[in-house]
Amino acid sequence: MTAASESWQAPALEREDRPQGRDEPPSPFDDLPGDLMIWVLIVSELLVFGAGLTAFLAVRITDPQGFAEAQDQLHRAMAGVNTLVLVTSGWLAALAHRAALAAQIARTRGLLAGAGALGLVFLLVKALEYADAAAQGISTETHAFFTFYYLLTGFHAAHVVAGIALFALVAARPTPRPVQAVTAFWHMVDLVWVLLFPVVYLLR
């Protein structure tokens, strides 16, 4: 057995590496994909985004006409393209996890690179959208809608940047468990955008 193949068996032997001689009761978190801490992070971030969207909807009730007029100044086409880009990126990340489980190192790295590259495309399109808004003189102070728009989409973009950085780090040693963890994080980023897109860009 080669050293490379042995390294791929490490994730499968994680439970055997625990101290012997004492029986620990199974934890309900043992079967979670990735580490428990990544799920603590994911749940925390979902709660933050959920609170932001709830606040957006609550304030929108006070000025539906103003929010609708502000929304008309957004580029729905760009946001739609970004939705397809991010969903495709999530699909590549899922394939990367499958490849990691099959010990296909080169394929795993290629898929992680593809997912990260699409993340960069998402950021580029978002930057073009922001630039167009700035050219129209739109800022966080233009209307309450745009305050929420920049806060929610900007915070999400920061998570996209974090995900791309994690893809790069994990690609250096793409064993199944780290790939699974970063894929779970990226799916959270996807989910948040899938919620942001209709609420911010389409809801009337």
N, C-alpha and C. Protein backbone atom coordinates (compact mmCIF):
# COMPACT_ATOMS: atom_id res chain seq x y z
N MET A 1 0.85 -1.20 0.00
CA MET A 1 0.00 0.00 0.00
C MET A 1 0.88 1.24 0.00
N THR A 2 0.57 2.19 -0.88
CA THR A 2 1.39 3.39 -0.99
C THR A 2 1.04 4.37 0.10
N ALA A 3 1.95 5.36 0.28
CA ALA A 3 1.71 6.39 1.30
C ALA A 3 0.48 7.20 0.94
N ALA A 4 0.29 7.42 -0.40
CA ALA A 4 -0.87 8.21 -0.82
C ALA A 4 -2.16 7.53 -0.45
N SER A 5 -2.22 6.19 -0.69
CA SER A 5 -3.45 5.48 -0.38
C SER A 5 -3.68 5.41 1.10
N GLU A 6 -2.56 5.31 1.89
CA GLU A 6 -2.72 5.28 3.34
C GLU A 6 -3.29 6.58 3.85
N SER A 7 -2.89 7.70 3.23
CA SER A 7 -3.39 9.00 3.69
C SER A 7 -4.88 9.11 3.50
N TRP A 8 -5.39 8.41 2.48
CA TRP A 8 -6.82 8.50 2.23
C TRP A 8 -7.61 7.66 3.23
N GLN A 9 -6.95 6.75 3.93
CA GLN A 9 -7.66 5.93 4.89
C GLN A 9 -7.77 6.62 6.23
N ALA A 10 -7.06 7.72 6.40
CA ALA A 10 -7.07 8.40 7.69
C ALA A 10 -8.47 8.81 8.12
N PRO A 11 -9.30 9.43 7.22
CA PRO A 11 -10.63 9.81 7.65
C PRO A 11 -11.47 8.62 8.10
N ALA A 12 -11.28 7.47 7.42
CA ALA A 12 -12.06 6.30 7.78
C ALA A 12 -11.66 5.73 9.12
N LEU A 13 -10.44 6.07 9.56
CA LEU A 13 -9.95 5.52 10.81
C LEU A 13 -10.03 6.51 11.96
N GLU A 14 -10.76 7.62 11.75
CA GLU A 14 -10.78 8.66 12.77
C GLU A 14 -11.26 8.12 14.12
N ARG A 15 -12.26 7.28 14.09
CA ARG A 15 -12.79 6.79 15.36
C ARG A 15 -11.83 5.82 16.03
N GLU A 16 -10.99 5.15 15.20
CA GLU A 16 -10.02 4.23 15.78
C GLU A 16 -8.89 4.99 16.45
N ASP A 17 -8.70 6.27 16.08
CA ASP A 17 -7.63 7.06 16.67
C ASP A 17 -7.99 7.59 18.05
N ARG A 18 -9.23 7.42 18.46
CA ARG A 18 -9.62 7.89 19.77
C ARG A 18 -8.96 7.03 20.86
N PRO A 19 -8.80 7.58 22.06
CA PRO A 19 -8.19 6.81 23.14
C PRO A 19 -8.93 5.51 23.38
N GLN A 20 -8.15 4.44 23.48
CA GLN A 20 -8.73 3.12 23.70
C GLN A 20 -8.91 2.87 25.20
N GLY A 21 -9.71 1.88 25.48
CA GLY A 21 -9.85 1.47 26.87
C GLY A 21 -11.06 2.07 27.56
N ARG A 22 -11.80 2.91 26.87
CA ARG A 22 -13.00 3.44 27.48
C ARG A 22 -14.07 3.56 26.41
N ASP A 23 -15.26 3.18 26.77
CA ASP A 23 -16.37 3.23 25.84
C ASP A 23 -17.11 4.55 26.03
N GLU A 24 -17.22 5.29 24.94
CA GLU A 24 -17.94 6.55 24.98
C GLU A 24 -19.29 6.35 24.31
N PRO A 25 -20.35 6.86 24.91
CA PRO A 25 -21.66 6.72 24.29
C PRO A 25 -21.69 7.48 22.97
N PRO A 26 -22.39 6.96 21.98
CA PRO A 26 -22.46 7.65 20.69
C PRO A 26 -23.11 9.02 20.84
N SER A 27 -22.59 9.97 20.12
CA SER A 27 -23.14 11.33 20.16
C SER A 27 -24.12 11.50 19.02
N PRO A 28 -25.20 12.25 19.23
CA PRO A 28 -26.14 12.50 18.13
C PRO A 28 -25.52 13.30 17.00
N PHE A 29 -24.33 13.89 17.26
CA PHE A 29 -23.66 14.69 16.24
C PHE A 29 -22.65 13.88 15.43
N ASP A 30 -22.46 12.59 15.76
CA ASP A 30 -21.44 11.79 15.10
C ASP A 30 -21.68 11.66 13.60
N ASP A 31 -22.95 11.63 13.19
CA ASP A 31 -23.26 11.40 11.79
C ASP A 31 -23.42 12.68 10.97
N LEU A 32 -23.14 13.83 11.59
CA LEU A 32 -23.20 15.07 10.83
C LEU A 32 -22.10 15.11 9.79
N PRO A 33 -22.39 15.58 8.58
CA PRO A 33 -21.32 15.75 7.59
C PRO A 33 -20.38 16.86 8.03
N GLY A 34 -19.09 16.58 8.11
CA GLY A 34 -18.14 17.59 8.56
C GLY A 34 -18.06 17.64 10.08
N ASP A 35 -17.33 18.59 10.60
CA ASP A 35 -17.15 18.73 12.03
C ASP A 35 -18.34 19.45 12.66
N LEU A 36 -18.51 19.21 13.97
CA LEU A 36 -19.60 19.87 14.69
C LEU A 36 -19.46 21.38 14.63
N MET A 37 -18.23 21.88 14.74
CA MET A 37 -18.02 23.33 14.77
C MET A 37 -18.46 24.00 13.48
N ILE A 38 -18.30 23.31 12.36
CA ILE A 38 -18.74 23.92 11.10
C ILE A 38 -20.25 24.06 11.09
N TRP A 39 -20.94 23.13 11.76
CA TRP A 39 -22.40 23.22 11.83
C TRP A 39 -22.85 24.29 12.80
N VAL A 40 -22.08 24.49 13.87
CA VAL A 40 -22.37 25.61 14.77
C VAL A 40 -22.26 26.92 14.00
N LEU A 41 -21.20 27.02 13.18
CA LEU A 41 -21.01 28.22 12.36
C LEU A 41 -22.15 28.38 11.36
N ILE A 42 -22.52 27.30 10.69
CA ILE A 42 -23.57 27.37 9.68
C ILE A 42 -24.90 27.81 10.29
N VAL A 43 -25.28 27.20 11.40
CA VAL A 43 -26.54 27.56 12.05
C VAL A 43 -26.52 29.01 12.51
N SER A 44 -25.38 29.43 13.06
CA SER A 44 -25.25 30.82 13.52
C SER A 44 -25.43 31.80 12.36
N GLU A 45 -24.78 31.49 11.24
CA GLU A 45 -24.88 32.39 10.09
C GLU A 45 -26.29 32.40 9.51
N LEU A 46 -26.95 31.26 9.48
CA LEU A 46 -28.32 31.21 8.99
C LEU A 46 -29.24 32.05 9.87
N LEU A 47 -29.00 32.02 11.18
CA LEU A 47 -29.81 32.84 12.09
C LEU A 47 -29.59 34.33 11.84
N VAL A 48 -28.34 34.70 11.58
CA VAL A 48 -28.04 36.11 11.29
C VAL A 48 -28.74 36.56 10.01
N PHE A 49 -28.61 35.76 8.96
CA PHE A 49 -29.27 36.11 7.71
C PHE A 49 -30.79 36.10 7.86
N GLY A 50 -31.29 35.14 8.63
CA GLY A 50 -32.73 35.08 8.86
C GLY A 50 -33.24 36.33 9.56
N ALA A 51 -32.47 36.81 10.55
CA ALA A 51 -32.85 38.04 11.25
C ALA A 51 -32.83 39.23 10.29
N GLY A 52 -31.82 39.27 9.41
CA GLY A 52 -31.74 40.37 8.45
C GLY A 52 -32.90 40.38 7.48
N LEU A 53 -33.27 39.20 6.98
CA LEU A 53 -34.40 39.12 6.05
C LEU A 53 -35.71 39.46 6.75
N THR A 54 -35.85 39.03 8.00
CA THR A 54 -37.06 39.36 8.76
C THR A 54 -37.18 40.86 8.95
N ALA A 55 -36.07 41.51 9.29
CA ALA A 55 -36.08 42.97 9.45
C ALA A 55 -36.41 43.66 8.13
N PHE A 56 -35.86 43.14 7.04
CA PHE A 56 -36.15 43.70 5.71
C PHE A 56 -37.64 43.65 5.42
N LEU A 57 -38.26 42.50 5.66
CA LEU A 57 -39.68 42.34 5.39
C LEU A 57 -40.52 43.20 6.31
N ALA A 58 -40.09 43.34 7.56
CA ALA A 58 -40.85 44.16 8.51
C ALA A 58 -40.84 45.63 8.10
N VAL A 59 -39.67 46.13 7.71
CA VAL A 59 -39.57 47.53 7.29
C VAL A 59 -40.29 47.75 5.96
N ARG A 60 -40.25 46.75 5.11
CA ARG A 60 -40.92 46.85 3.81
C ARG A 60 -42.42 47.10 3.97
N ILE A 61 -43.01 46.53 5.01
CA ILE A 61 -44.44 46.71 5.25
C ILE A 61 -44.78 48.18 5.47
N THR A 62 -43.85 48.93 6.05
CA THR A 62 -44.10 50.34 6.35
C THR A 62 -44.03 51.23 5.11
N ASP A 63 -43.40 50.75 4.04
CA ASP A 63 -43.26 51.56 2.82
C ASP A 63 -43.20 50.67 1.59
N PRO A 64 -44.28 49.95 1.30
CA PRO A 64 -44.25 49.01 0.16
C PRO A 64 -44.00 49.70 -1.18
N GLN A 65 -44.57 50.89 -1.36
CA GLN A 65 -44.38 51.59 -2.63
C GLN A 65 -42.93 52.02 -2.82
N GLY A 66 -42.34 52.57 -1.76
CA GLY A 66 -40.94 53.00 -1.85
C GLY A 66 -40.00 51.83 -2.09
N PHE A 67 -40.28 50.70 -1.44
CA PHE A 67 -39.45 49.51 -1.63
C PHE A 67 -39.59 48.98 -3.06
N ALA A 68 -40.82 49.01 -3.60
CA ALA A 68 -41.04 48.52 -4.96
C ALA A 68 -40.31 49.40 -5.98
N GLU A 69 -40.37 50.71 -5.78
CA GLU A 69 -39.68 51.62 -6.70
C GLU A 69 -38.17 51.46 -6.62
N ALA A 70 -37.66 51.25 -5.42
CA ALA A 70 -36.22 51.03 -5.26
C ALA A 70 -35.80 49.71 -5.89
N GLN A 71 -36.64 48.70 -5.71
CA GLN A 71 -36.34 47.38 -6.26
C GLN A 71 -36.25 47.42 -7.78
N ASP A 72 -37.05 48.28 -8.41
CA ASP A 72 -37.04 48.38 -9.87
C ASP A 72 -35.71 48.88 -10.42
N GLN A 73 -34.86 49.44 -9.57
CA GLN A 73 -33.56 49.94 -10.01
C GLN A 73 -32.48 48.86 -9.98
N LEU A 74 -32.83 47.69 -9.47
CA LEU A 74 -31.86 46.59 -9.42
C LEU A 74 -31.80 45.85 -10.75
N HIS A 75 -30.71 45.14 -10.97
CA HIS A 75 -30.54 44.33 -12.17
C HIS A 75 -30.96 42.89 -11.86
N ARG A 76 -32.21 42.57 -12.16
CA ARG A 76 -32.69 41.22 -11.89
C ARG A 76 -31.97 40.19 -12.77
N ALA A 77 -31.63 40.60 -13.99
CA ALA A 77 -30.94 39.66 -14.89
C ALA A 77 -29.59 39.25 -14.32
N MET A 78 -28.83 40.22 -13.81
CA MET A 78 -27.54 39.90 -13.20
C MET A 78 -27.72 38.97 -12.00
N ALA A 79 -28.73 39.27 -11.19
CA ALA A 79 -28.98 38.43 -10.02
C ALA A 79 -29.39 37.03 -10.43
N GLY A 80 -30.17 36.93 -11.52
CA GLY A 80 -30.57 35.61 -12.01
C GLY A 80 -29.37 34.81 -12.50
N VAL A 81 -28.48 35.47 -13.23
CA VAL A 81 -27.25 34.80 -13.68
C VAL A 81 -26.43 34.34 -12.48
N ASN A 82 -26.32 35.19 -11.48
CA ASN A 82 -25.56 34.82 -10.29
C ASN A 82 -26.17 33.64 -9.55
N THR A 83 -27.50 33.54 -9.61
CA THR A 83 -28.15 32.39 -8.97
C THR A 83 -27.73 31.10 -9.66
N LEU A 84 -27.75 31.10 -10.99
CA LEU A 84 -27.32 29.92 -11.74
C LEU A 84 -25.85 29.60 -11.48
N VAL A 85 -25.03 30.65 -11.42
CA VAL A 85 -23.59 30.46 -11.17
C VAL A 85 -23.36 29.82 -9.82
N LEU A 86 -24.04 30.32 -8.79
CA LEU A 86 -23.80 29.81 -7.45
C LEU A 86 -24.35 28.40 -7.26
N VAL A 87 -25.51 28.12 -7.84
CA VAL A 87 -26.07 26.77 -7.74
C VAL A 87 -25.16 25.77 -8.46
N THR A 88 -24.64 26.15 -9.62
CA THR A 88 -23.70 25.28 -10.34
C THR A 88 -22.44 25.06 -9.52
N SER A 89 -21.97 26.10 -8.87
CA SER A 89 -20.79 25.98 -8.02
C SER A 89 -21.04 24.99 -6.88
N GLY A 90 -22.23 25.06 -6.29
CA GLY A 90 -22.58 24.11 -5.23
C GLY A 90 -22.61 22.68 -5.73
N TRP A 91 -23.08 22.50 -6.97
CA TRP A 91 -23.10 21.16 -7.57
C TRP A 91 -21.68 20.63 -7.74
N LEU A 92 -20.75 21.49 -8.20
CA LEU A 92 -19.36 21.08 -8.35
C LEU A 92 -18.75 20.73 -6.99
N ALA A 93 -19.10 21.48 -5.97
CA ALA A 93 -18.58 21.18 -4.62
C ALA A 93 -19.08 19.81 -4.15
N ALA A 94 -20.34 19.50 -4.44
CA ALA A 94 -20.88 18.19 -4.06
C ALA A 94 -20.15 17.08 -4.82
N LEU A 95 -19.87 17.30 -6.09
CA LEU A 95 -19.11 16.32 -6.87
C LEU A 95 -17.69 16.17 -6.32
N ALA A 96 -17.12 17.26 -5.84
CA ALA A 96 -15.78 17.20 -5.25
C ALA A 96 -15.77 16.32 -4.02
N HIS A 97 -16.81 16.41 -3.21
CA HIS A 97 -16.89 15.55 -2.03
C HIS A 97 -16.99 14.08 -2.43
N ARG A 98 -17.79 13.81 -3.46
CA ARG A 98 -17.91 12.43 -3.94
C ARG A 98 -16.57 11.92 -4.46
N ALA A 99 -15.85 12.78 -5.17
CA ALA A 99 -14.53 12.39 -5.69
C ALA A 99 -13.54 12.17 -4.56
N ALA A 100 -13.64 12.97 -3.51
CA ALA A 100 -12.75 12.80 -2.36
C ALA A 100 -12.99 11.46 -1.67
N LEU A 101 -14.25 11.06 -1.57
CA LEU A 101 -14.58 9.77 -0.97
C LEU A 101 -14.01 8.62 -1.81
N ALA A 102 -13.91 8.83 -3.12
CA ALA A 102 -13.37 7.81 -4.02
C ALA A 102 -11.85 7.92 -4.16
N ALA A 103 -11.24 8.80 -3.36
CA ALA A 103 -9.78 8.99 -3.37
C ALA A 103 -9.25 9.46 -4.72
N GLN A 104 -10.06 10.21 -5.44
CA GLN A 104 -9.64 10.76 -6.73
C GLN A 104 -9.09 12.17 -6.50
N ILE A 105 -7.82 12.23 -6.16
CA ILE A 105 -7.21 13.48 -5.72
C ILE A 105 -7.27 14.56 -6.80
N ALA A 106 -6.81 14.23 -8.00
CA ALA A 106 -6.77 15.22 -9.08
C ALA A 106 -8.17 15.73 -9.42
N ARG A 107 -9.13 14.80 -9.49
CA ARG A 107 -10.51 15.19 -9.80
C ARG A 107 -11.08 16.06 -8.69
N THR A 108 -10.79 15.70 -7.45
CA THR A 108 -11.28 16.50 -6.32
C THR A 108 -10.76 17.93 -6.40
N ARG A 109 -9.46 18.05 -6.64
CA ARG A 109 -8.87 19.39 -6.74
C ARG A 109 -9.45 20.18 -7.91
N GLY A 110 -9.66 19.50 -9.03
CA GLY A 110 -10.23 20.18 -10.19
C GLY A 110 -11.63 20.69 -9.92
N LEU A 111 -12.43 19.87 -9.25
CA LEU A 111 -13.81 20.27 -8.94
C LEU A 111 -13.84 21.40 -7.92
N LEU A 112 -12.95 21.33 -6.92
CA LEU A 112 -12.86 22.42 -5.95
C LEU A 112 -12.45 23.72 -6.63
N ALA A 113 -11.50 23.60 -7.57
CA ALA A 113 -11.06 24.78 -8.32
C ALA A 113 -12.21 25.35 -9.15
N GLY A 114 -12.99 24.45 -9.75
CA GLY A 114 -14.14 24.90 -10.54
C GLY A 114 -15.18 25.61 -9.68
N ALA A 115 -15.45 25.03 -8.50
CA ALA A 115 -16.41 25.66 -7.59
C ALA A 115 -15.92 27.04 -7.15
N GLY A 116 -14.62 27.12 -6.83
CA GLY A 116 -14.06 28.40 -6.42
C GLY A 116 -14.06 29.42 -7.55
N ALA A 117 -13.78 28.95 -8.78
CA ALA A 117 -13.77 29.86 -9.94
C ALA A 117 -15.16 30.45 -10.18
N LEU A 118 -16.18 29.62 -10.02
CA LEU A 118 -17.54 30.14 -10.19
C LEU A 118 -17.89 31.11 -9.06
N GLY A 119 -17.31 30.88 -7.89
CA GLY A 119 -17.48 31.85 -6.81
C GLY A 119 -16.90 33.20 -7.20
N LEU A 120 -15.75 33.18 -7.87
CA LEU A 120 -15.15 34.42 -8.35
C LEU A 120 -16.02 35.09 -9.41
N VAL A 121 -16.63 34.28 -10.28
CA VAL A 121 -17.55 34.83 -11.28
C VAL A 121 -18.72 35.53 -10.58
N PHE A 122 -19.24 34.89 -9.55
CA PHE A 122 -20.33 35.49 -8.77
C PHE A 122 -19.92 36.86 -8.24
N LEU A 123 -18.72 36.94 -7.66
CA LEU A 123 -18.24 38.20 -7.10
C LEU A 123 -18.05 39.25 -8.19
N LEU A 124 -17.58 38.83 -9.36
CA LEU A 124 -17.39 39.77 -10.46
C LEU A 124 -18.72 40.37 -10.90
N VAL A 125 -19.72 39.52 -11.07
CA VAL A 125 -21.05 40.01 -11.46
C VAL A 125 -21.61 40.93 -10.39
N LYS A 126 -21.42 40.55 -9.13
CA LYS A 126 -21.90 41.39 -8.03
C LYS A 126 -21.19 42.74 -8.03
N ALA A 127 -19.89 42.75 -8.31
CA ALA A 127 -19.14 44.00 -8.37
C ALA A 127 -19.67 44.90 -9.50
N LEU A 128 -20.01 44.30 -10.64
CA LEU A 128 -20.58 45.07 -11.75
C LEU A 128 -21.93 45.66 -11.36
N GLU A 129 -22.69 44.88 -10.61
CA GLU A 129 -24.00 45.36 -10.14
C GLU A 129 -23.83 46.54 -9.18
N TYR A 130 -22.89 46.41 -8.26
CA TYR A 130 -22.62 47.51 -7.33
C TYR A 130 -22.13 48.75 -8.08
N ALA A 131 -21.27 48.55 -9.07
CA ALA A 131 -20.73 49.67 -9.84
C ALA A 131 -21.84 50.41 -10.57
N ASP A 132 -22.78 49.66 -11.13
CA ASP A 132 -23.90 50.29 -11.83
C ASP A 132 -24.76 51.09 -10.86
N ALA A 133 -25.00 50.53 -9.67
CA ALA A 133 -25.79 51.24 -8.66
C ALA A 133 -25.08 52.53 -8.24
N ALA A 134 -23.77 52.44 -8.06
CA ALA A 134 -23.00 53.63 -7.68
C ALA A 134 -23.06 54.69 -8.77
N ALA A 135 -23.04 54.26 -10.03
CA ALA A 135 -23.12 55.21 -11.14
C ALA A 135 -24.45 55.95 -11.16
N GLN A 136 -25.49 55.31 -10.61
CA GLN A 136 -26.80 55.94 -10.52
C GLN A 136 -26.93 56.80 -9.26
N GLY A 137 -25.86 56.85 -8.48
CA GLY A 137 -25.90 57.62 -7.25
C GLY A 137 -26.60 56.91 -6.10
N ILE A 138 -26.73 55.60 -6.21
CA ILE A 138 -27.41 54.82 -5.18
C ILE A 138 -26.42 54.44 -4.09
N SER A 139 -26.79 54.68 -2.84
CA SER A 139 -25.96 54.31 -1.70
C SER A 139 -26.85 53.77 -0.59
N THR A 140 -26.24 53.45 0.53
CA THR A 140 -27.01 52.94 1.67
C THR A 140 -27.97 54.00 2.22
N GLU A 141 -27.71 55.26 1.91
CA GLU A 141 -28.55 56.35 2.42
C GLU A 141 -29.64 56.78 1.45
N THR A 142 -29.68 56.17 0.26
CA THR A 142 -30.68 56.55 -0.74
C THR A 142 -32.08 56.21 -0.27
N HIS A 143 -32.24 55.02 0.27
CA HIS A 143 -33.54 54.55 0.76
C HIS A 143 -33.29 53.37 1.67
N ALA A 144 -34.22 53.09 2.57
CA ALA A 144 -34.07 51.96 3.49
C ALA A 144 -33.88 50.66 2.74
N PHE A 145 -34.53 50.54 1.57
CA PHE A 145 -34.36 49.32 0.77
C PHE A 145 -32.89 49.08 0.46
N PHE A 146 -32.20 50.13 0.04
CA PHE A 146 -30.80 49.97 -0.35
C PHE A 146 -29.89 49.77 0.86
N THR A 147 -30.31 50.24 2.01
CA THR A 147 -29.55 49.94 3.23
C THR A 147 -29.53 48.43 3.46
N PHE A 148 -30.71 47.82 3.38
CA PHE A 148 -30.79 46.37 3.53
C PHE A 148 -30.12 45.65 2.37
N TYR A 149 -30.30 46.18 1.17
CA TYR A 149 -29.72 45.55 -0.01
C TYR A 149 -28.20 45.42 0.12
N TYR A 150 -27.54 46.51 0.47
CA TYR A 150 -26.08 46.47 0.58
C TYR A 150 -25.63 45.63 1.78
N LEU A 151 -26.35 45.73 2.89
CA LEU A 151 -25.96 44.96 4.07
C LEU A 151 -26.10 43.46 3.82
N LEU A 152 -27.25 43.05 3.29
CA LEU A 152 -27.51 41.62 3.09
C LEU A 152 -26.63 41.02 1.99
N THR A 153 -26.59 41.69 0.84
CA THR A 153 -25.80 41.13 -0.26
C THR A 153 -24.30 41.28 0.00
N GLY A 154 -23.91 42.35 0.68
CA GLY A 154 -22.49 42.53 1.01
C GLY A 154 -22.01 41.49 2.01
N PHE A 155 -22.84 41.22 3.02
CA PHE A 155 -22.49 40.20 4.02
C PHE A 155 -22.42 38.83 3.36
N HIS A 156 -23.34 38.59 2.43
CA HIS A 156 -23.31 37.32 1.71
C HIS A 156 -22.05 37.22 0.85
N ALA A 157 -21.68 38.31 0.17
CA ALA A 157 -20.48 38.31 -0.66
C ALA A 157 -19.24 38.01 0.18
N ALA A 158 -19.22 38.50 1.42
CA ALA A 158 -18.09 38.21 2.31
C ALA A 158 -17.99 36.72 2.59
N HIS A 159 -19.14 36.05 2.69
CA HIS A 159 -19.14 34.60 2.89
C HIS A 159 -18.67 33.87 1.63
N VAL A 160 -18.99 34.42 0.46
CA VAL A 160 -18.49 33.84 -0.78
C VAL A 160 -16.96 33.91 -0.81
N VAL A 161 -16.41 35.05 -0.41
CA VAL A 161 -14.95 35.20 -0.34
C VAL A 161 -14.36 34.17 0.62
N ALA A 162 -14.99 34.00 1.78
CA ALA A 162 -14.51 33.03 2.76
C ALA A 162 -14.56 31.62 2.19
N GLY A 163 -15.64 31.30 1.47
CA GLY A 163 -15.76 29.97 0.88
C GLY A 163 -14.69 29.70 -0.16
N ILE A 164 -14.39 30.69 -0.98
CA ILE A 164 -13.34 30.53 -1.99
C ILE A 164 -11.99 30.28 -1.32
N ALA A 165 -11.72 31.01 -0.25
CA ALA A 165 -10.47 30.81 0.49
C ALA A 165 -10.41 29.41 1.09
N LEU A 166 -11.54 28.92 1.59
CA LEU A 166 -11.58 27.57 2.16
C LEU A 166 -11.37 26.51 1.07
N PHE A 167 -11.94 26.72 -0.10
CA PHE A 167 -11.71 25.80 -1.22
C PHE A 167 -10.21 25.68 -1.51
N ALA A 168 -9.53 26.82 -1.53
CA ALA A 168 -8.09 26.82 -1.82
C ALA A 168 -7.31 26.09 -0.74
N LEU A 169 -7.68 26.30 0.52
CA LEU A 169 -6.98 25.64 1.62
C LEU A 169 -7.20 24.13 1.59
N VAL A 170 -8.45 23.73 1.39
CA VAL A 170 -8.79 22.30 1.40
C VAL A 170 -8.17 21.59 0.20
N ALA A 171 -8.06 22.28 -0.93
CA ALA A 171 -7.50 21.66 -2.14
C ALA A 171 -6.05 21.23 -1.94
N ALA A 172 -5.35 21.85 -1.00
CA ALA A 172 -3.96 21.47 -0.74
C ALA A 172 -3.87 20.04 -0.21
N ARG A 173 -4.87 19.62 0.55
CA ARG A 173 -4.92 18.24 1.06
C ARG A 173 -6.39 17.83 1.10
N PRO A 174 -6.92 17.44 -0.05
CA PRO A 174 -8.36 17.22 -0.18
C PRO A 174 -8.85 15.86 0.32
N THR A 175 -8.69 15.61 1.61
CA THR A 175 -9.24 14.39 2.19
C THR A 175 -10.74 14.56 2.41
N PRO A 176 -11.49 13.47 2.53
CA PRO A 176 -12.95 13.56 2.54
C PRO A 176 -13.55 14.49 3.60
N ARG A 177 -13.06 14.42 4.83
CA ARG A 177 -13.72 15.19 5.89
C ARG A 177 -13.62 16.71 5.68
N PRO A 178 -12.42 17.25 5.39
CA PRO A 178 -12.36 18.70 5.11
C PRO A 178 -13.18 19.10 3.89
N VAL A 179 -13.16 18.27 2.86
CA VAL A 179 -13.95 18.57 1.66
C VAL A 179 -15.44 18.58 2.01
N GLN A 180 -15.84 17.65 2.85
CA GLN A 180 -17.24 17.59 3.28
C GLN A 180 -17.62 18.84 4.07
N ALA A 181 -16.71 19.29 4.93
CA ALA A 181 -16.98 20.47 5.74
C ALA A 181 -17.12 21.73 4.88
N VAL A 182 -16.19 21.92 3.95
CA VAL A 182 -16.26 23.12 3.11
C VAL A 182 -17.46 23.06 2.17
N THR A 183 -17.84 21.86 1.75
CA THR A 183 -19.03 21.71 0.91
C THR A 183 -20.28 22.08 1.69
N ALA A 184 -20.35 21.67 2.95
CA ALA A 184 -21.50 22.03 3.79
C ALA A 184 -21.58 23.55 3.95
N PHE A 185 -20.43 24.19 4.18
CA PHE A 185 -20.40 25.65 4.30
C PHE A 185 -20.87 26.30 3.00
N TRP A 186 -20.40 25.79 1.88
CA TRP A 186 -20.76 26.38 0.58
C TRP A 186 -22.24 26.20 0.28
N HIS A 187 -22.80 25.08 0.68
CA HIS A 187 -24.24 24.88 0.49
C HIS A 187 -25.03 25.89 1.32
N MET A 188 -24.51 26.25 2.50
CA MET A 188 -25.14 27.30 3.29
C MET A 188 -25.12 28.62 2.53
N VAL A 189 -23.98 28.93 1.90
CA VAL A 189 -23.86 30.15 1.10
C VAL A 189 -24.87 30.11 -0.05
N ASP A 190 -25.00 28.96 -0.69
CA ASP A 190 -26.00 28.79 -1.76
C ASP A 190 -27.41 29.03 -1.24
N LEU A 191 -27.72 28.39 -0.12
CA LEU A 191 -29.07 28.48 0.44
C LEU A 191 -29.44 29.93 0.77
N VAL A 192 -28.50 30.64 1.37
CA VAL A 192 -28.77 32.04 1.72
C VAL A 192 -29.08 32.85 0.47
N TRP A 193 -28.30 32.64 -0.60
CA TRP A 193 -28.56 33.40 -1.82
C TRP A 193 -29.90 33.02 -2.44
N VAL A 194 -30.25 31.74 -2.40
CA VAL A 194 -31.53 31.29 -2.95
C VAL A 194 -32.69 31.95 -2.20
N LEU A 195 -32.47 32.29 -0.93
CA LEU A 195 -33.49 33.02 -0.16
C LEU A 195 -33.43 34.52 -0.45
N LEU A 196 -32.21 35.06 -0.55
CA LEU A 196 -32.06 36.50 -0.80
C LEU A 196 -32.62 36.90 -2.16
N PHE A 197 -32.35 36.10 -3.17
CA PHE A 197 -32.72 36.46 -4.54
C PHE A 197 -34.20 36.78 -4.69
N PRO A 198 -35.11 35.88 -4.31
CA PRO A 198 -36.53 36.22 -4.50
C PRO A 198 -37.01 37.33 -3.57
N VAL A 199 -36.51 37.35 -2.34
CA VAL A 199 -36.99 38.35 -1.38
C VAL A 199 -36.54 39.76 -1.76
N VAL A 200 -35.27 39.90 -2.11
CA VAL A 200 -34.71 41.23 -2.40
C VAL A 200 -35.02 41.68 -3.83
N TYR A 201 -34.97 40.76 -4.79
CA TYR A 201 -35.07 41.15 -6.20
C TYR A 201 -36.47 40.97 -6.80
N LEU A 202 -37.27 40.06 -6.27
CA LEU A 202 -38.52 39.71 -6.95
C LEU A 202 -39.78 40.03 -6.17
N LEU A 203 -39.73 39.93 -4.85
CA LEU A 203 -40.93 40.08 -4.03
C LEU A 203 -41.54 41.47 -4.20
N ARG A 204 -42.83 41.50 -4.51
CA ARG A 204 -43.53 42.78 -4.71
C ARG A 204 -44.55 43.01 -3.60
